[in-house]
Amino acid sequence: MVLFATQTHENIRPSRDRVSQLFEQGDLVPVYRMMPADLETPVSVYLKLAQSGQNSFLLESVEGGEQVGRYSFLGVNPKGTIIVQDGQVHQTLHGVTTTRPLAEGEDPLDAIKAEFERVKPVRLPGLPRFVGGAVGFVSYDCVRYFERLPTITVNDLNVPDAAFMLPDTLVIFDHARHQLLVLANAHNEGNSDAAYDDAVARIDEIIAALHQPIPTLPQIKPLSTPQAGRELASNMTQEQYEAGVRAAKEYIAAGDAFQIVLSQRFSGKTTATPLALYRSLRMLNPSPYMFFLNFGENLSLIGASPEVMVRLEDGKAMVRPIAGTRPRGISEEEDQELATELLADPKERAEHVMLVDLGRNDLGRVCDYGTVRVPKMMYVERYSHVMHIVSQVEGKLRKGMDAFDLLRATFPAGTLSGAPKVRAMEIIEELEATRRGTYAGAVGYFSFDGSMDTCITIRSVLMRGDTVTVQSGAGIVADSDPTREYEETLNKAKGVASAIQYAEKGLL
């Protein structure tokens, strides 16, 4: 009687014969092995698998800021990338890069979608909703492909309009079962046995790496006075920002908009590594969407966002507007008092209802008539340092529409632009000094099974070499106080700046 199976391909699912049968339904089949995960963390696995200069990603979640989400997704050395910038599509597959211009009427999401149309995936029951596809970001300025906006601001960051990795091998943490799935997609190009063997070889390679000790981290001398915390400089003065608030209020008074989100950017140098910044953020600000996207050695996007951009699962589209904030109390009683005060604040309620209506209108563009509803309206969700008013808006995606159509219809989030959305963005273009780049865009994945999960790119750090960029904004309404709104942007940026300082101290 054998109690424990040895490490053979008997532990691989589905079997070779079953994969051969599944190839009759499509040409892409997930092959995986499950392992205990009680001795590993997503960060420890990332350290074992990621190599310097490789494209890699780590997606984690702490639901409501307090409870660990069920799944974490990790990928290293994906089979390719798609980067769209200045109207050019740069696609790398298996080390070979091609460049082409976007066709007339084509946008960056079309370029990503084209890769999905090359395969016919087979969906297996019991697996997480993401088993492969595309992981990356869409910059705020990608909206210029979807809407006509003036070109006034300076494009000084020069970041891609969209950048996505195409992973064919994943490590997935199932935190509920304390298991780890090593998954490789078998792509049948005419020889099912060869496709299966290739997938198994990739799984074996990862498992071999997981059996190795954690490599020594680069030694960074902790700074007694972290430099980024002292030297993050804004792209506008306080006087310039407050003048922008007053100008926005004039537009609102004239009836151009109800709300305009005005932001400022902070930049500086750091000695911290991208991974140290991610570790710092995940410890100081656990959030529903924690992401570490590493595009080689010169572009990393790191964040801990509380807010979904848009999600699609089993044909159900969902957005969750977050608007209205209070700090956490020092006790449960004070938390309750602050939450009650927040929900009773007429200004916060009015702003939130406006953004819920905007979310309903966005979903209505691509969902079946009569299916858009608000199952959860104005409840308080608590995070490590703050609490927010949150609502949930959902609808059934209309036949003929897909995840890419849904993202176009809802992008960018109204909570980071304003209402009405297009007019607010036109005013933002006039009042902000520079293009936003990744800030207020989206981070997440498109899955081969048609699902999508994205968050709004806030509470994030864009890292280029040793330069870090942080951006934060405030929602300007008719009775906004310019100085108070300026201070709100500083307070939002301080949370991320603190994480940079913590990383520079060596996480000590």
Protein backbone atom coordinates (compact mmCIF):
# COMPACT_ATOMS: atom_id res chain seq x y z
CA MET A 1 0.00 0.00 0.00
CA VAL A 2 1.45 3.37 -1.07
CA LEU A 3 0.52 6.20 1.26
CA PHE A 4 2.50 8.97 -0.42
CA ALA A 5 3.12 9.21 -4.14
CA THR A 6 6.66 9.97 -5.17
CA GLN A 7 7.30 13.03 -7.32
CA THR A 8 6.26 11.63 -10.68
CA HIS A 9 4.02 12.85 -13.42
CA GLU A 10 1.17 10.97 -11.72
CA ASN A 11 0.74 14.21 -9.77
CA ILE A 12 0.23 16.22 -12.95
CA ARG A 13 -3.36 17.02 -13.92
CA PRO A 14 -4.94 16.37 -16.37
CA SER A 15 -3.20 13.21 -17.56
CA ARG A 16 -1.50 12.96 -20.95
CA ASP A 17 -4.43 10.99 -22.36
CA ARG A 18 -6.99 13.43 -20.96
CA VAL A 19 -5.11 16.41 -22.42
CA SER A 20 -5.12 14.68 -25.79
CA GLN A 21 -8.91 14.35 -25.52
CA LEU A 22 -9.31 17.98 -24.41
CA PHE A 23 -7.40 19.15 -27.46
CA GLU A 24 -10.46 18.12 -29.45
CA GLN A 25 -12.26 21.06 -27.78
CA GLY A 26 -9.51 23.65 -28.25
CA ASP A 27 -5.78 24.18 -28.66
CA LEU A 28 -4.84 25.53 -25.22
CA VAL A 29 -5.22 23.32 -22.12
CA PRO A 30 -4.01 24.21 -18.59
CA VAL A 31 -1.80 21.52 -17.07
CA TYR A 32 -0.96 21.81 -13.38
CA ARG A 33 0.40 20.28 -10.23
CA MET A 34 -0.78 21.09 -6.70
CA MET A 35 1.63 21.35 -3.77
CA PRO A 36 1.38 22.31 -0.10
CA ALA A 37 2.10 26.00 0.43
CA ASP A 38 2.36 26.21 4.21
CA LEU A 39 6.11 26.90 4.11
CA GLU A 40 6.05 29.51 1.35
CA THR A 41 4.76 33.02 0.79
CA PRO A 42 4.18 34.75 -2.55
CA VAL A 43 7.26 36.89 -1.91
CA SER A 44 9.49 33.92 -1.05
CA VAL A 45 8.40 32.13 -4.22
CA TYR A 46 8.99 35.26 -6.26
CA LEU A 47 12.52 35.52 -4.87
CA LYS A 48 13.24 31.92 -5.84
CA LEU A 49 11.90 32.25 -9.37
CA ALA A 50 12.57 35.79 -10.58
CA GLN A 51 15.91 36.67 -12.10
CA SER A 52 17.35 40.14 -12.53
CA GLY A 53 16.19 41.84 -15.71
CA GLN A 54 13.37 39.38 -16.39
CA ASN A 55 9.79 40.43 -16.92
CA SER A 56 7.75 39.28 -13.93
CA PHE A 57 4.64 40.04 -11.90
CA LEU A 58 3.02 39.41 -8.55
CA LEU A 59 -0.68 40.05 -7.85
CA GLU A 60 -2.04 39.74 -4.31
CA SER A 61 -5.20 40.76 -2.47
CA VAL A 62 -6.34 41.65 1.03
CA GLU A 63 -10.12 41.94 0.81
CA GLY A 64 -11.51 44.99 2.54
CA GLY A 65 -7.98 45.73 3.69
CA GLU A 66 -8.32 43.09 6.42
CA GLN A 67 -8.82 39.56 5.03
CA VAL A 68 -6.38 37.89 2.66
CA GLY A 69 -7.95 37.20 -0.74
CA ARG A 70 -8.16 33.59 -1.81
CA TYR A 71 -5.67 33.71 -4.69
CA SER A 72 -2.30 35.26 -5.42
CA PHE A 73 -0.86 35.07 -8.94
CA LEU A 74 2.81 35.06 -9.83
CA GLY A 75 4.58 34.84 -13.16
CA VAL A 76 8.20 35.12 -14.29
CA ASN A 77 9.82 35.15 -17.70
CA PRO A 78 6.54 35.16 -19.69
CA LYS A 79 6.55 33.91 -23.26
CA GLY A 80 6.12 37.46 -24.49
CA THR A 81 5.07 41.06 -24.00
CA ILE A 82 2.95 43.57 -25.88
CA ILE A 83 3.85 47.22 -25.39
CA VAL A 84 1.97 49.99 -27.18
CA GLN A 85 3.49 53.45 -27.24
CA ASP A 86 3.14 56.45 -29.56
CA GLY A 87 1.00 54.51 -32.00
CA GLN A 88 3.47 51.61 -32.30
CA VAL A 89 2.92 48.00 -31.19
CA HIS A 90 6.10 46.34 -29.92
CA GLN A 91 5.47 42.61 -29.50
CA THR A 92 8.04 40.16 -28.19
CA LEU A 93 7.38 36.42 -28.42
CA HIS A 94 9.99 33.88 -27.31
CA GLY A 95 12.73 36.49 -27.51
CA VAL A 96 11.88 37.83 -30.97
CA THR A 97 10.57 41.42 -31.16
CA THR A 98 8.47 42.85 -33.97
CA THR A 99 7.18 46.41 -34.32
CA ARG A 100 4.23 47.64 -36.33
CA PRO A 101 2.04 50.74 -36.35
CA LEU A 102 -1.49 50.59 -34.99
CA ALA A 103 -3.90 50.23 -37.88
CA GLU A 104 -6.45 52.95 -38.54
CA GLY A 105 -9.16 52.69 -35.89
CA GLU A 106 -7.11 50.22 -33.82
CA ASP A 107 -6.34 50.99 -30.17
CA PRO A 108 -3.99 49.36 -27.63
CA LEU A 109 -6.72 47.03 -26.34
CA ASP A 110 -7.26 45.73 -29.88
CA ALA A 111 -3.57 44.81 -29.98
CA ILE A 112 -3.96 42.77 -26.78
CA LYS A 113 -7.20 41.18 -27.98
CA ALA A 114 -5.53 40.02 -31.20
CA GLU A 115 -3.29 37.73 -29.18
CA PHE A 116 -6.34 36.10 -27.56
CA GLU A 117 -7.91 35.46 -30.94
CA ARG A 118 -4.95 33.28 -31.92
CA VAL A 119 -5.92 30.53 -29.46
CA LYS A 120 -8.99 28.53 -28.47
CA PRO A 121 -8.65 27.82 -24.73
CA VAL A 122 -10.25 24.90 -22.90
CA ARG A 123 -11.67 25.78 -19.49
CA LEU A 124 -11.28 23.23 -16.70
CA PRO A 125 -13.59 23.18 -13.65
CA GLY A 126 -12.18 23.94 -10.23
CA LEU A 127 -9.39 26.25 -11.35
CA PRO A 128 -9.09 29.95 -10.45
CA ARG A 129 -10.56 32.48 -12.86
CA PHE A 130 -7.10 33.45 -14.13
CA VAL A 131 -5.01 30.65 -15.63
CA GLY A 132 -3.23 32.65 -18.32
CA GLY A 133 -3.74 35.51 -20.71
CA ALA A 134 -2.33 39.02 -20.28
CA VAL A 135 -1.14 40.87 -17.15
CA GLY A 136 -0.15 44.52 -17.16
CA PHE A 137 -1.28 48.12 -17.13
CA VAL A 138 -3.18 50.66 -19.19
CA SER A 139 -2.05 54.25 -18.73
CA TYR A 140 -4.57 57.02 -18.09
CA ASP A 141 -3.55 58.63 -21.38
CA CYS A 142 -4.73 55.54 -23.26
CA VAL A 143 -8.15 57.22 -23.08
CA ARG A 144 -7.00 59.41 -25.96
CA TYR A 145 -7.63 56.41 -28.22
CA PHE A 146 -11.22 56.17 -26.94
CA GLU A 147 -12.24 59.83 -26.61
CA ARG A 148 -11.29 63.05 -28.37
CA LEU A 149 -9.24 65.10 -25.90
CA PRO A 150 -7.13 68.21 -26.46
CA THR A 151 -3.34 67.86 -26.32
CA ILE A 152 -2.03 70.49 -23.92
CA THR A 153 -0.05 68.75 -21.17
CA VAL A 154 3.59 67.72 -21.55
CA ASN A 155 4.31 63.99 -22.00
CA ASP A 156 7.48 64.01 -19.92
CA LEU A 157 7.22 60.54 -18.34
CA ASN A 158 7.20 58.80 -21.72
CA VAL A 159 5.60 55.62 -20.38
CA PRO A 160 3.74 53.15 -22.64
CA ASP A 161 0.05 53.63 -23.34
CA ALA A 162 -0.33 49.96 -22.43
CA ALA A 163 2.13 47.26 -21.41
CA PHE A 164 1.19 43.61 -20.89
CA MET A 165 3.02 40.36 -20.23
CA LEU A 166 1.77 37.14 -21.83
CA PRO A 167 2.43 34.40 -19.25
CA ASP A 168 2.08 30.78 -20.26
CA THR A 169 3.28 29.47 -16.88
CA LEU A 170 1.92 30.60 -13.50
CA VAL A 171 2.31 29.97 -9.81
CA ILE A 172 -1.05 30.40 -8.06
CA PHE A 173 -1.45 30.50 -4.28
CA ASP A 174 -4.75 29.17 -2.95
CA HIS A 175 -4.74 30.71 0.52
CA ALA A 176 -8.00 29.04 1.55
CA ARG A 177 -6.57 25.55 1.02
CA HIS A 178 -2.93 26.46 1.75
CA GLN A 179 -2.01 25.02 -1.61
CA LEU A 180 0.15 26.14 -4.47
CA LEU A 181 -0.69 25.44 -8.11
CA VAL A 182 2.12 25.37 -10.63
CA LEU A 183 0.31 25.73 -13.94
CA ALA A 184 1.55 25.65 -17.52
CA ASN A 185 -0.66 26.03 -20.58
CA ALA A 186 -0.14 23.30 -23.15
CA HIS A 187 -0.48 24.77 -26.64
CA ASN A 188 -1.24 22.19 -29.30
CA GLU A 189 0.39 23.11 -32.59
CA GLY A 190 -0.18 19.72 -34.18
CA ASN A 191 1.51 17.37 -31.73
CA SER A 192 -0.41 16.86 -28.49
CA ASP A 193 2.34 14.77 -26.86
CA ALA A 194 4.95 17.45 -27.53
CA ALA A 195 2.62 20.14 -26.14
CA TYR A 196 2.03 18.09 -22.99
CA ASP A 197 5.73 17.33 -22.52
CA ASP A 198 6.62 21.00 -22.90
CA ALA A 199 4.06 22.02 -20.25
CA VAL A 200 5.28 19.33 -17.84
CA ALA A 201 8.89 20.40 -18.37
CA ARG A 202 8.00 23.98 -17.43
CA ILE A 203 6.21 22.76 -14.31
CA ASP A 204 9.19 20.60 -13.33
CA GLU A 205 11.56 23.54 -13.82
CA ILE A 206 9.56 25.72 -11.44
CA ILE A 207 9.21 22.96 -8.84
CA ALA A 208 12.97 22.40 -8.92
CA ALA A 209 13.50 26.11 -8.25
CA LEU A 210 10.99 26.03 -5.39
CA HIS A 211 13.03 23.33 -3.67
CA GLN A 212 16.03 25.68 -3.52
CA PRO A 213 16.68 28.04 -0.60
CA ILE A 214 15.70 31.69 -0.85
CA PRO A 215 18.57 33.57 -2.52
CA THR A 216 20.44 36.24 -0.62
CA LEU A 217 18.85 39.64 -1.07
CA PRO A 218 20.98 42.50 -2.43
CA GLN A 219 22.63 44.35 0.43
CA ILE A 220 21.44 47.94 0.59
CA LYS A 221 22.93 50.10 3.29
CA PRO A 222 19.95 51.46 5.23
CA LEU A 223 19.75 55.24 5.18
CA SER A 224 19.46 56.93 8.55
CA THR A 225 17.56 59.70 6.76
CA PRO A 226 15.73 58.17 3.78
CA GLN A 227 16.34 60.38 0.77
CA ALA A 228 13.05 59.95 -1.11
CA GLY A 229 11.02 61.08 1.87
CA ARG A 230 12.97 64.33 1.95
CA GLU A 231 13.33 64.95 -1.76
CA LEU A 232 10.03 64.04 -3.42
CA ALA A 233 9.35 67.19 -5.40
CA SER A 234 6.00 68.19 -6.90
CA ASN A 235 5.46 69.17 -10.52
CA MET A 236 3.58 72.25 -9.28
CA THR A 237 3.75 74.67 -6.37
CA GLN A 238 1.04 74.97 -3.74
CA GLU A 239 0.01 78.26 -5.33
CA GLN A 240 -0.28 76.63 -8.75
CA TYR A 241 -2.35 73.74 -7.40
CA GLU A 242 -4.70 76.00 -5.47
CA ALA A 243 -5.08 78.21 -8.55
CA GLY A 244 -6.08 75.07 -10.43
CA VAL A 245 -8.70 74.30 -7.78
CA ARG A 246 -10.16 77.78 -8.12
CA ALA A 247 -10.24 77.43 -11.91
CA ALA A 248 -11.96 74.05 -11.59
CA LYS A 249 -14.57 75.59 -9.27
CA GLU A 250 -15.26 78.26 -11.88
CA TYR A 251 -15.95 75.56 -14.47
CA ILE A 252 -18.25 73.82 -11.99
CA ALA A 253 -20.08 77.06 -11.23
CA ALA A 254 -20.54 77.61 -14.97
CA GLY A 255 -22.18 74.19 -15.29
CA ASP A 256 -19.36 72.46 -17.19
CA ALA A 257 -18.94 69.71 -14.59
CA PHE A 258 -20.10 68.52 -11.18
CA GLN A 259 -16.70 67.24 -10.07
CA ILE A 260 -13.13 67.46 -11.39
CA VAL A 261 -10.28 65.37 -9.95
CA LEU A 262 -7.14 67.51 -9.92
CA SER A 263 -3.82 65.82 -9.16
CA GLN A 264 -0.16 66.61 -8.67
CA ARG A 265 2.90 64.44 -9.14
CA PHE A 266 5.87 63.91 -6.82
CA SER A 267 9.23 62.56 -8.01
CA GLY A 268 12.60 61.80 -6.48
CA LYS A 269 15.55 59.41 -6.33
CA THR A 270 15.71 56.28 -4.20
CA THR A 271 18.18 53.60 -3.18
CA ALA A 272 15.42 51.03 -2.67
CA THR A 273 14.87 48.15 -5.09
CA PRO A 274 11.48 47.65 -6.77
CA LEU A 275 10.85 44.48 -4.75
CA ALA A 276 11.73 46.23 -1.49
CA LEU A 277 9.20 48.93 -2.35
CA TYR A 278 6.55 46.28 -3.00
CA ARG A 279 7.30 44.48 0.25
CA SER A 280 7.09 47.78 2.10
CA LEU A 281 3.72 48.70 0.56
CA ARG A 282 2.20 45.28 1.23
CA MET A 283 3.19 45.51 4.90
CA LEU A 284 2.18 49.14 5.51
CA ASN A 285 -0.92 49.30 3.33
CA PRO A 286 -2.52 45.88 2.67
CA SER A 287 -5.19 46.40 0.01
CA PRO A 288 -7.61 44.52 -2.24
CA TYR A 289 -5.27 45.02 -5.20
CA MET A 290 -1.55 44.73 -4.52
CA PHE A 291 0.58 44.56 -7.63
CA PHE A 292 4.22 44.35 -8.63
CA LEU A 293 4.80 44.60 -12.38
CA ASN A 294 8.44 44.41 -13.41
CA PHE A 295 9.11 45.10 -17.08
CA GLY A 296 12.84 44.42 -17.17
CA GLU A 297 15.36 46.65 -15.46
CA ASN A 298 13.98 50.10 -16.23
CA LEU A 299 10.20 50.02 -15.71
CA SER A 300 8.38 48.80 -12.62
CA LEU A 301 4.88 49.65 -11.43
CA ILE A 302 4.21 48.91 -7.77
CA GLY A 303 1.01 49.59 -5.88
CA ALA A 304 -1.60 48.82 -3.25
CA SER A 305 -4.91 50.02 -4.65
CA PRO A 306 -8.19 49.84 -2.73
CA GLU A 307 -10.42 50.33 -5.75
CA VAL A 308 -11.53 48.04 -8.55
CA MET A 309 -11.52 49.62 -12.01
CA VAL A 310 -13.86 47.04 -13.53
CA ARG A 311 -14.30 43.28 -13.22
CA LEU A 312 -15.90 40.68 -15.48
CA GLU A 313 -16.63 37.13 -14.35
CA ASP A 314 -19.11 34.66 -15.86
CA GLY A 315 -20.67 37.45 -17.90
CA LYS A 316 -21.28 39.73 -14.89
CA ALA A 317 -19.68 43.18 -15.02
CA MET A 318 -18.95 45.03 -11.80
CA VAL A 319 -17.59 48.38 -10.65
CA ARG A 320 -17.20 49.54 -7.03
CA PRO A 321 -17.06 53.33 -6.68
CA ILE A 322 -15.12 54.51 -3.64
CA ALA A 323 -15.65 58.11 -2.55
CA GLY A 324 -15.67 59.52 0.95
CA THR A 325 -12.82 59.02 3.42
CA ARG A 326 -12.12 59.19 7.14
CA PRO A 327 -9.05 58.05 9.12
CA ARG A 328 -9.29 54.87 11.17
CA GLY A 329 -10.00 55.31 14.87
CA ILE A 330 -7.81 54.07 17.69
CA SER A 331 -10.60 51.82 18.99
CA GLU A 332 -13.65 49.98 17.69
CA GLU A 333 -15.87 52.62 19.30
CA GLU A 334 -14.06 55.48 17.56
CA ASP A 335 -14.17 53.53 14.28
CA GLN A 336 -17.94 53.28 14.59
CA GLU A 337 -18.27 56.99 15.40
CA LEU A 338 -16.17 57.98 12.40
CA ALA A 339 -18.10 55.62 10.11
CA THR A 340 -21.41 57.07 11.29
CA GLU A 341 -20.13 60.60 10.75
CA LEU A 342 -18.86 59.70 7.28
CA LEU A 343 -22.18 58.23 6.17
CA ALA A 344 -24.04 61.25 7.53
CA ASP A 345 -21.87 63.86 5.76
CA PRO A 346 -24.10 65.42 3.06
CA LYS A 347 -21.13 66.49 0.90
CA GLU A 348 -19.61 62.99 0.97
CA ARG A 349 -22.99 61.40 0.23
CA ALA A 350 -23.74 63.71 -2.69
CA GLU A 351 -20.34 63.10 -4.26
CA HIS A 352 -20.67 59.35 -3.80
CA VAL A 353 -24.19 59.16 -5.30
CA MET A 354 -22.95 61.12 -8.33
CA LEU A 355 -20.15 58.60 -8.91
CA VAL A 356 -22.52 55.65 -8.47
CA ASP A 357 -24.73 57.15 -11.19
CA LEU A 358 -21.66 57.54 -13.39
CA GLY A 359 -20.81 53.87 -12.84
CA ARG A 360 -24.37 52.86 -13.78
CA ASN A 361 -24.16 54.90 -16.96
CA ASP A 362 -20.78 53.39 -17.89
CA LEU A 363 -22.05 49.82 -17.45
CA GLY A 364 -25.23 50.69 -19.31
CA ARG A 365 -23.17 51.25 -22.45
CA VAL A 366 -22.24 47.56 -22.71
CA CYS A 367 -24.74 45.67 -20.51
CA ASP A 368 -28.22 44.32 -21.26
CA TYR A 369 -30.98 46.84 -20.74
CA GLY A 370 -32.56 46.51 -17.31
CA THR A 371 -29.75 44.42 -15.78
CA VAL A 372 -27.68 47.26 -14.29
CA ARG A 373 -28.36 47.49 -10.56
CA VAL A 374 -26.77 48.57 -7.29
CA PRO A 375 -26.91 45.54 -4.93
CA LYS A 376 -24.75 47.29 -2.30
CA MET A 377 -25.21 51.02 -1.73
CA MET A 378 -23.09 53.24 0.51
CA TYR A 379 -21.47 51.00 3.09
CA VAL A 380 -18.21 51.63 4.93
CA GLU A 381 -15.15 49.52 4.17
CA ARG A 382 -12.15 49.68 6.50
CA TYR A 383 -8.49 49.60 5.49
CA SER A 384 -5.27 49.78 7.47
CA HIS A 385 -5.23 53.58 7.85
CA VAL A 386 -8.53 54.87 6.45
CA MET A 387 -12.16 53.95 5.85
CA HIS A 388 -14.18 54.66 2.70
CA ILE A 389 -17.79 54.78 1.52
CA VAL A 390 -18.19 52.01 -1.06
CA SER A 391 -20.99 50.91 -3.38
CA GLN A 392 -21.23 48.07 -5.87
CA VAL A 393 -22.74 48.42 -9.33
CA GLU A 394 -23.18 45.41 -11.61
CA GLY A 395 -24.85 44.32 -14.82
CA LYS A 396 -25.00 41.49 -17.36
CA LEU A 397 -22.64 42.03 -20.27
CA ARG A 398 -24.49 42.31 -23.56
CA LYS A 399 -24.08 39.57 -26.16
CA GLY A 400 -21.34 40.44 -28.60
CA MET A 401 -19.41 42.45 -26.02
CA ASP A 402 -16.24 41.27 -24.28
CA ALA A 403 -13.82 42.29 -21.55
CA PHE A 404 -12.04 44.74 -23.83
CA ASP A 405 -15.30 46.51 -24.72
CA LEU A 406 -16.13 46.68 -21.01
CA LEU A 407 -12.83 48.32 -20.11
CA ARG A 408 -13.24 50.88 -22.90
CA ALA A 409 -16.75 51.74 -21.70
CA THR A 410 -15.69 52.36 -18.11
CA PHE A 411 -12.19 53.82 -18.59
CA PRO A 412 -10.91 55.83 -16.85
CA ALA A 413 -12.69 55.58 -13.53
CA GLY A 414 -14.98 58.47 -12.71
CA THR A 415 -13.52 58.60 -9.20
CA LEU A 416 -10.19 59.70 -10.74
CA SER A 417 -11.51 61.95 -13.51
CA GLY A 418 -14.84 63.50 -12.54
CA ALA A 419 -18.33 63.95 -13.93
CA PRO A 420 -19.38 64.30 -16.65
CA LYS A 421 -16.32 62.26 -17.46
CA VAL A 422 -15.26 63.59 -20.88
CA ARG A 423 -15.70 67.25 -19.95
CA ALA A 424 -13.85 66.66 -16.68
CA MET A 425 -10.94 65.12 -18.59
CA GLU A 426 -10.83 68.10 -20.95
CA ILE A 427 -10.54 70.42 -17.95
CA ILE A 428 -7.89 68.17 -16.34
CA GLU A 429 -5.87 68.45 -19.55
CA GLU A 430 -5.98 72.23 -19.20
CA LEU A 431 -5.24 72.50 -15.48
CA GLU A 432 -2.64 69.78 -14.80
CA ALA A 433 0.98 70.47 -15.71
CA THR A 434 1.93 67.10 -17.22
CA ARG A 435 0.35 63.94 -18.58
CA ARG A 436 -0.64 61.46 -15.91
CA GLY A 437 1.01 58.36 -17.34
CA THR A 438 0.19 55.28 -15.26
CA TYR A 439 -1.62 57.25 -12.53
CA ALA A 440 -5.43 56.87 -12.67
CA GLY A 441 -5.12 54.16 -15.31
CA ALA A 442 -5.70 50.45 -14.71
CA VAL A 443 -3.67 47.41 -13.60
CA GLY A 444 -4.84 43.82 -13.86
CA TYR A 445 -5.38 40.86 -16.12
CA PHE A 446 -7.38 39.60 -19.05
CA SER A 447 -7.92 35.83 -18.78
CA PHE A 448 -8.15 33.34 -21.62
CA ASP A 449 -11.59 32.33 -20.32
CA GLY A 450 -12.97 35.82 -21.03
CA SER A 451 -12.84 37.16 -17.48
CA MET A 452 -11.04 40.32 -16.42
CA ASP A 453 -10.07 41.93 -13.14
CA THR A 454 -8.53 45.40 -12.98
CA CYS A 455 -7.91 48.03 -10.34
CA ILE A 456 -7.41 51.77 -10.54
CA THR A 457 -3.73 52.73 -10.48
CA ILE A 458 -3.59 54.75 -7.28
CA ARG A 459 -1.43 54.49 -4.16
CA SER A 460 1.27 53.38 -6.52
CA VAL A 461 4.90 54.02 -7.44
CA LEU A 462 6.23 54.20 -10.98
CA MET A 463 9.92 53.33 -10.90
CA ARG A 464 12.35 54.04 -13.75
CA GLY A 465 15.88 53.16 -12.72
CA ASP A 466 16.44 54.95 -9.41
CA THR A 467 13.66 57.51 -10.01
CA VAL A 468 10.31 57.09 -8.26
CA THR A 469 7.10 58.87 -9.21
CA VAL A 470 4.01 59.14 -6.99
CA GLN A 471 0.79 60.96 -7.91
CA SER A 472 -2.33 61.84 -5.95
CA GLY A 473 -5.45 63.90 -6.51
CA ALA A 474 -8.51 65.39 -4.87
CA GLY A 475 -12.09 65.60 -6.11
CA ILE A 476 -12.99 69.25 -6.62
CA VAL A 477 -16.65 70.19 -6.18
CA ALA A 478 -18.55 73.47 -5.89
CA ASP A 479 -17.70 74.17 -2.25
CA SER A 480 -14.14 72.84 -2.19
CA ASP A 481 -11.55 74.75 -0.19
CA PRO A 482 -8.32 75.06 -2.27
CA THR A 483 -5.94 74.69 0.69
CA ARG A 484 -7.82 71.71 2.10
CA GLU A 485 -7.82 69.96 -1.30
CA TYR A 486 -4.08 70.61 -1.65
CA GLU A 487 -3.49 69.09 1.78
CA GLU A 488 -5.59 66.06 0.81
CA THR A 489 -3.24 65.34 -2.11
CA LEU A 490 -0.26 65.62 0.25
CA ASN A 491 -1.84 63.24 2.76
CA LYS A 492 -2.57 60.67 0.07
CA ALA A 493 1.00 60.87 -1.24
CA LYS A 494 2.48 60.61 2.27
CA GLY A 495 1.27 57.03 2.63
CA VAL A 496 3.26 55.90 -0.39
CA ALA A 497 6.22 58.14 0.55
CA SER A 498 6.31 56.41 3.94
CA ALA A 499 6.56 53.05 2.19
CA ILE A 500 9.50 54.34 0.15
CA GLN A 501 11.21 55.53 3.33
CA TYR A 502 10.59 52.18 5.02
CA ALA A 503 12.14 50.37 2.05
CA GLU A 504 15.16 52.68 2.12
CA LYS A 505 15.67 51.87 5.79
CA GLY A 506 15.97 48.21 4.84
CA LEU A 507 12.42 47.39 6.05
CA LEU A 508 13.63 47.99 9.59
